[in-house]
Each structure stands twice: as structure tokens, then as C-alpha cells.
Amino acid sequence: DIICEAFDDAECKSMLTDIVLSEM
């Protein structure tokens, strides 16, 4: 229901943000 992004790496943060916002 809710996804928490908890990465240290900036590229991983950006990747997950883009996927969730665009595909979910």
C-alpha cells in the first residue's frame, strides 16, 4: 500500500522514485 525508499545511494533513490511515480 505504501513504499518506503531507504537507500544510501543517490542513483538507487532516483531509480526507485522514477519507477514508483511513473509505473505505480
PDB file of all heavy atoms in Angstrom:
ATOM      1  N   ASP A   1       0.836  -1.198   0.000  1.00  0.00           N
ATOM      2  CA  ASP A   1       0.000   0.000   0.000  1.00  0.00           C
ATOM      3  C   ASP A   1       0.874   1.252   0.000  1.00  0.00           C
ATOM      4  O   ASP A   1       0.546   2.254  -0.633  1.00  0.00           O
ATOM      5  CB  ASP A   1      -0.893   0.026   1.247  1.00  0.00           C
ATOM      6  CG  ASP A   1      -1.763  -1.205   1.378  1.00  0.00           C
ATOM      7  OD1 ASP A   1      -2.427  -1.555   0.391  1.00  0.00           O
ATOM      8  OD2 ASP A   1      -1.767  -1.821   2.458  1.00  0.00           O
ATOM      9  N   ILE A   2       1.967   1.179   0.749  1.00  0.00           N
ATOM     10  CA  ILE A   2       2.892   2.302   0.891  1.00  0.00           C
ATOM     11  C   ILE A   2       4.308   1.773   0.700  1.00  0.00           C
ATOM     12  O   ILE A   2       4.653   0.702   1.215  1.00  0.00           O
ATOM     13  CB  ILE A   2       2.761   2.971   2.274  1.00  0.00           C
ATOM     14  CG1 ILE A   2       1.326   3.444   2.510  1.00  0.00           C
ATOM     15  CG2 ILE A   2       3.744   4.140   2.405  1.00  0.00           C
ATOM     16  CD1 ILE A   2       1.082   3.978   3.906  1.00  0.00           C
ATOM     17  N   ILE A   3       5.130   2.523  -0.039  1.00  0.00           N
ATOM     18  CA  ILE A   3       6.511   2.128  -0.314  1.00  0.00           C
ATOM     19  C   ILE A   3       7.451   3.136   0.330  1.00  0.00           C
ATOM     20  O   ILE A   3       7.316   4.349   0.119  1.00  0.00           O
ATOM     21  CB  ILE A   3       6.770   2.077  -1.829  1.00  0.00           C
ATOM     22  CG1 ILE A   3       5.850   1.039  -2.489  1.00  0.00           C
ATOM     23  CG2 ILE A   3       8.240   1.771  -2.123  1.00  0.00           C
ATOM     24  CD1 ILE A   3       5.784   1.162  -3.994  1.00  0.00           C
ATOM     25  N   CYS A   4       8.400   2.640   1.127  1.00  0.00           N
ATOM     26  CA  CYS A   4       9.415   3.490   1.734  1.00  0.00           C
ATOM     27  C   CYS A   4      10.740   3.300   1.006  1.00  0.00           C
ATOM     28  O   CYS A   4      11.246   2.179   0.909  1.00  0.00           O
ATOM     29  CB  CYS A   4       9.603   3.151   3.203  1.00  0.00           C
ATOM     30  SG  CYS A   4       8.199   3.569   4.246  1.00  0.00           S
ATOM     31  N   GLU A   5      11.299   4.384   0.510  1.00  0.00           N
ATOM     32  CA  GLU A   5      12.632   4.370  -0.095  1.00  0.00           C
ATOM     33  C   GLU A   5      13.642   4.631   1.002  1.00  0.00           C
ATOM     34  O   GLU A   5      13.560   5.650   1.688  1.00  0.00           O
ATOM     35  CB  GLU A   5      12.719   5.433  -1.198  1.00  0.00           C
ATOM     36  CG  GLU A   5      14.089   5.571  -1.836  1.00  0.00           C
ATOM     37  CD  GLU A   5      14.995   6.513  -1.043  1.00  0.00           C
ATOM     38  OE1 GLU A   5      14.578   7.643  -0.743  1.00  0.00           O
ATOM     39  OE2 GLU A   5      16.118   6.073  -0.709  1.00  0.00           O
ATOM     40  N   ALA A   6      14.602   3.705   1.183  1.00  0.00           N
ATOM     41  CA  ALA A   6      15.557   3.818   2.290  1.00  0.00           C
ATOM     42  C   ALA A   6      16.966   3.472   1.832  1.00  0.00           C
ATOM     43  O   ALA A   6      17.706   2.768   2.522  1.00  0.00           O
ATOM     44  CB  ALA A   6      15.119   2.918   3.440  1.00  0.00           C
ATOM     45  N   PHE A   7      17.345   3.974   0.669  1.00  0.00           N
ATOM     46  CA  PHE A   7      18.670   3.723   0.119  1.00  0.00           C
ATOM     47  C   PHE A   7      19.655   4.809   0.538  1.00  0.00           C
ATOM     48  O   PHE A   7      19.267   5.945   0.818  1.00  0.00           O
ATOM     49  CB  PHE A   7      18.616   3.679  -1.414  1.00  0.00           C
ATOM     50  CG  PHE A   7      17.782   2.565  -1.987  1.00  0.00           C
ATOM     51  CD1 PHE A   7      16.892   2.817  -3.017  1.00  0.00           C
ATOM     52  CD2 PHE A   7      17.891   1.278  -1.506  1.00  0.00           C
ATOM     53  CE1 PHE A   7      16.132   1.795  -3.562  1.00  0.00           C
ATOM     54  CE2 PHE A   7      17.138   0.242  -2.033  1.00  0.00           C
ATOM     55  CZ  PHE A   7      16.254   0.505  -3.070  1.00  0.00           C
ATOM     56  N   ASP A   8      20.946   4.470   0.514  1.00  0.00           N
ATOM     57  CA  ASP A   8      22.004   5.459   0.689  1.00  0.00           C
ATOM     58  C   ASP A   8      22.431   6.054  -0.655  1.00  0.00           C
ATOM     59  O   ASP A   8      22.821   7.216  -0.731  1.00  0.00           O
ATOM     60  CB  ASP A   8      23.242   4.827   1.349  1.00  0.00           C
ATOM     61  CG  ASP A   8      22.998   4.465   2.804  1.00  0.00           C
ATOM     62  OD1 ASP A   8      22.102   5.055   3.421  1.00  0.00           O
ATOM     63  OD2 ASP A   8      23.707   3.574   3.312  1.00  0.00           O
ATOM     64  N   ASP A   9      22.370   5.244  -1.682  1.00  0.00           N
ATOM     65  CA  ASP A   9      22.900   5.617  -2.989  1.00  0.00           C
ATOM     66  C   ASP A   9      21.924   6.509  -3.763  1.00  0.00           C
ATOM     67  O   ASP A   9      20.741   6.165  -3.915  1.00  0.00           O
ATOM     68  CB  ASP A   9      23.197   4.349  -3.799  1.00  0.00           C
ATOM     69  CG  ASP A   9      23.817   4.663  -5.141  1.00  0.00           C
ATOM     70  OD1 ASP A   9      25.033   4.921  -5.188  1.00  0.00           O
ATOM     71  OD2 ASP A   9      23.077   4.667  -6.146  1.00  0.00           O
ATOM     72  N   ALA A  10      22.410   7.639  -4.270  1.00  0.00           N
ATOM     73  CA  ALA A  10      21.557   8.607  -4.954  1.00  0.00           C
ATOM     74  C   ALA A  10      20.950   8.028  -6.226  1.00  0.00           C
ATOM     75  O   ALA A  10      19.787   8.309  -6.548  1.00  0.00           O
ATOM     76  CB  ALA A  10      22.359   9.864  -5.280  1.00  0.00           C
ATOM     77  N   GLU A  11      21.716   7.233  -6.964  1.00  0.00           N
ATOM     78  CA  GLU A  11      21.198   6.655  -8.204  1.00  0.00           C
ATOM     79  C   GLU A  11      20.068   5.669  -7.916  1.00  0.00           C
ATOM     80  O   GLU A  11      19.069   5.625  -8.654  1.00  0.00           O
ATOM     81  CB  GLU A  11      22.322   5.976  -8.985  1.00  0.00           C
ATOM     82  CG  GLU A  11      23.329   6.940  -9.590  1.00  0.00           C
ATOM     83  CD  GLU A  11      24.341   6.238 -10.474  1.00  0.00           C
ATOM     84  OE1 GLU A  11      24.174   5.022 -10.722  1.00  0.00           O
ATOM     85  OE2 GLU A  11      25.287   6.903 -10.922  1.00  0.00           O
ATOM     86  N   CYS A  12      20.217   4.878  -6.853  1.00  0.00           N
ATOM     87  CA  CYS A  12      19.152   3.942  -6.476  1.00  0.00           C
ATOM     88  C   CYS A  12      17.902   4.697  -6.043  1.00  0.00           C
ATOM     89  O   CYS A  12      16.775   4.288  -6.367  1.00  0.00           O
ATOM     90  CB  CYS A  12      19.636   3.029  -5.357  1.00  0.00           C
ATOM     91  SG  CYS A  12      20.934   1.870  -5.850  1.00  0.00           S
ATOM     92  N   LYS A  13      18.080   5.786  -5.302  1.00  0.00           N
ATOM     93  CA  LYS A  13      16.950   6.611  -4.890  1.00  0.00           C
ATOM     94  C   LYS A  13      16.192   7.126  -6.109  1.00  0.00           C
ATOM     95  O   LYS A  13      14.961   7.056  -6.178  1.00  0.00           O
ATOM     96  CB  LYS A  13      17.435   7.798  -4.057  1.00  0.00           C
ATOM     97  CG  LYS A  13      17.895   7.449  -2.652  1.00  0.00           C
ATOM     98  CD  LYS A  13      18.439   8.699  -1.958  1.00  0.00           C
ATOM     99  CE  LYS A  13      18.814   8.447  -0.509  1.00  0.00           C
ATOM    100  NZ  LYS A  13      17.640   8.243   0.349  1.00  0.00           N
ATOM    101  N   SER A  14      16.941   7.659  -7.056  1.00  0.00           N
ATOM    102  CA  SER A  14      16.342   8.228  -8.255  1.00  0.00           C
ATOM    103  C   SER A  14      15.622   7.156  -9.071  1.00  0.00           C
ATOM    104  O   SER A  14      14.509   7.380  -9.567  1.00  0.00           O
ATOM    105  CB  SER A  14      17.427   8.901  -9.101  1.00  0.00           C
ATOM    106  OG  SER A  14      16.888   9.414 -10.295  1.00  0.00           O
ATOM    107  N   MET A  15      16.247   5.998  -9.212  1.00  0.00           N
ATOM    108  CA  MET A  15      15.645   4.902  -9.966  1.00  0.00           C
ATOM    109  C   MET A  15      14.307   4.494  -9.376  1.00  0.00           C
ATOM    110  O   MET A  15      13.302   4.389 -10.075  1.00  0.00           O
ATOM    111  CB  MET A  15      16.598   3.712  -9.992  1.00  0.00           C
ATOM    112  CG  MET A  15      16.072   2.458 -10.679  1.00  0.00           C
ATOM    113  SD  MET A  15      15.085   1.356  -9.604  1.00  0.00           S
ATOM    114  CE  MET A  15      16.327   0.830  -8.418  1.00  0.00           C
ATOM    115  N   LEU A  16      14.278   4.271  -8.064  1.00  0.00           N
ATOM    116  CA  LEU A  16      13.045   3.814  -7.437  1.00  0.00           C
ATOM    117  C   LEU A  16      11.968   4.894  -7.498  1.00  0.00           C
ATOM    118  O   LEU A  16      10.795   4.592  -7.759  1.00  0.00           O
ATOM    119  CB  LEU A  16      13.310   3.420  -5.990  1.00  0.00           C
ATOM    120  CG  LEU A  16      12.126   2.776  -5.259  1.00  0.00           C
ATOM    121  CD1 LEU A  16      11.708   1.477  -5.942  1.00  0.00           C
ATOM    122  CD2 LEU A  16      12.455   2.517  -3.800  1.00  0.00           C
ATOM    123  N   THR A  17      12.352   6.134  -7.270  1.00  0.00           N
ATOM    124  CA  THR A  17      11.386   7.237  -7.352  1.00  0.00           C
ATOM    125  C   THR A  17      10.744   7.296  -8.724  1.00  0.00           C
ATOM    126  O   THR A  17       9.520   7.407  -8.857  1.00  0.00           O
ATOM    127  CB  THR A  17      12.072   8.568  -7.026  1.00  0.00           C
ATOM    128  OG1 THR A  17      12.637   8.511  -5.712  1.00  0.00           O
ATOM    129  CG2 THR A  17      11.074   9.723  -7.093  1.00  0.00           C
ATOM    130  N   ASP A  18      11.554   7.214  -9.771  1.00  0.00           N
ATOM    131  CA  ASP A  18      11.039   7.278 -11.137  1.00  0.00           C
ATOM    132  C   ASP A  18      10.076   6.131 -11.421  1.00  0.00           C
ATOM    133  O   ASP A  18       9.011   6.325 -12.031  1.00  0.00           O
ATOM    134  CB  ASP A  18      12.192   7.241 -12.144  1.00  0.00           C
ATOM    135  CG  ASP A  18      13.016   8.520 -12.148  1.00  0.00           C
ATOM    136  OD1 ASP A  18      12.536   9.532 -11.602  1.00  0.00           O
ATOM    137  OD2 ASP A  18      14.148   8.493 -12.669  1.00  0.00           O
ATOM    138  N   ILE A  19      10.426   4.925 -10.979  1.00  0.00           N
ATOM    139  CA  ILE A  19       9.588   3.759 -11.248  1.00  0.00           C
ATOM    140  C   ILE A  19       8.257   3.849 -10.518  1.00  0.00           C
ATOM    141  O   ILE A  19       7.187   3.614 -11.092  1.00  0.00           O
ATOM    142  CB  ILE A  19      10.322   2.458 -10.862  1.00  0.00           C
ATOM    143  CG1 ILE A  19      11.456   2.190 -11.842  1.00  0.00           C
ATOM    144  CG2 ILE A  19       9.358   1.265 -10.840  1.00  0.00           C
ATOM    145  CD1 ILE A  19      12.313   1.008 -11.482  1.00  0.00           C
ATOM    146  N   VAL A  20       8.299   4.197  -9.231  1.00  0.00           N
ATOM    147  CA  VAL A  20       7.054   4.268  -8.462  1.00  0.00           C
ATOM    148  C   VAL A  20       6.139   5.355  -9.013  1.00  0.00           C
ATOM    149  O   VAL A  20       4.937   5.132  -9.207  1.00  0.00           O
ATOM    150  CB  VAL A  20       7.352   4.510  -6.970  1.00  0.00           C
ATOM    151  CG1 VAL A  20       6.051   4.742  -6.203  1.00  0.00           C
ATOM    152  CG2 VAL A  20       8.087   3.320  -6.377  1.00  0.00           C
ATOM    153  N   LEU A  21       6.686   6.526  -9.283  1.00  0.00           N
ATOM    154  CA  LEU A  21       5.854   7.627  -9.755  1.00  0.00           C
ATOM    155  C   LEU A  21       5.299   7.384 -11.141  1.00  0.00           C
ATOM    156  O   LEU A  21       4.167   7.783 -11.448  1.00  0.00           O
ATOM    157  CB  LEU A  21       6.653   8.930  -9.726  1.00  0.00           C
ATOM    158  CG  LEU A  21       7.110   9.416  -8.352  1.00  0.00           C
ATOM    159  CD1 LEU A  21       7.805  10.764  -8.460  1.00  0.00           C
ATOM    160  CD2 LEU A  21       5.950   9.505  -7.377  1.00  0.00           C
ATOM    161  N   SER A  22       6.061   6.701 -11.985  1.00  0.00           N
ATOM    162  CA  SER A  22       5.610   6.503 -13.365  1.00  0.00           C
ATOM    163  C   SER A  22       4.795   5.227 -13.563  1.00  0.00           C
ATOM    164  O   SER A  22       3.839   5.203 -14.348  1.00  0.00           O
ATOM    165  CB  SER A  22       6.814   6.485 -14.317  1.00  0.00           C
ATOM    166  OG  SER A  22       7.671   5.388 -14.029  1.00  0.00           O
ATOM    167  N   GLU A  23       5.155   4.154 -12.850  1.00  0.00           N
ATOM    168  CA  GLU A  23       4.517   2.865 -13.096  1.00  0.00           C
ATOM    169  C   GLU A  23       3.580   2.406 -11.985  1.00  0.00           C
ATOM    170  O   GLU A  23       2.803   1.472 -12.166  1.00  0.00           O
ATOM    171  CB  GLU A  23       5.591   1.798 -13.332  1.00  0.00           C
ATOM    172  CG  GLU A  23       6.484   2.109 -14.539  1.00  0.00           C
ATOM    173  CD  GLU A  23       7.413   0.959 -14.882  1.00  0.00           C
ATOM    174  OE1 GLU A  23       6.986  -0.202 -14.760  1.00  0.00           O
ATOM    175  OE2 GLU A  23       8.558   1.241 -15.261  1.00  0.00           O
ATOM    176  N   MET A  24       3.650   3.049 -10.820  1.00  0.00           N
ATOM    177  CA  MET A  24       2.767   2.681  -9.708  1.00  0.00           C
ATOM    178  C   MET A  24       2.150   3.929  -9.086  1.00  0.00           C
ATOM    179  O   MET A  24       2.287   4.187  -7.884  1.00  0.00           O
ATOM    180  CB  MET A  24       3.569   1.895  -8.660  1.00  0.00           C
ATOM    181  CG  MET A  24       4.057   0.546  -9.155  1.00  0.00           C
ATOM    182  SD  MET A  24       5.123  -0.325  -7.953  1.00  0.00           S
ATOM    183  CE  MET A  24       6.708   0.389  -8.399  1.00  0.00           C
TER     184      MET A  24
END
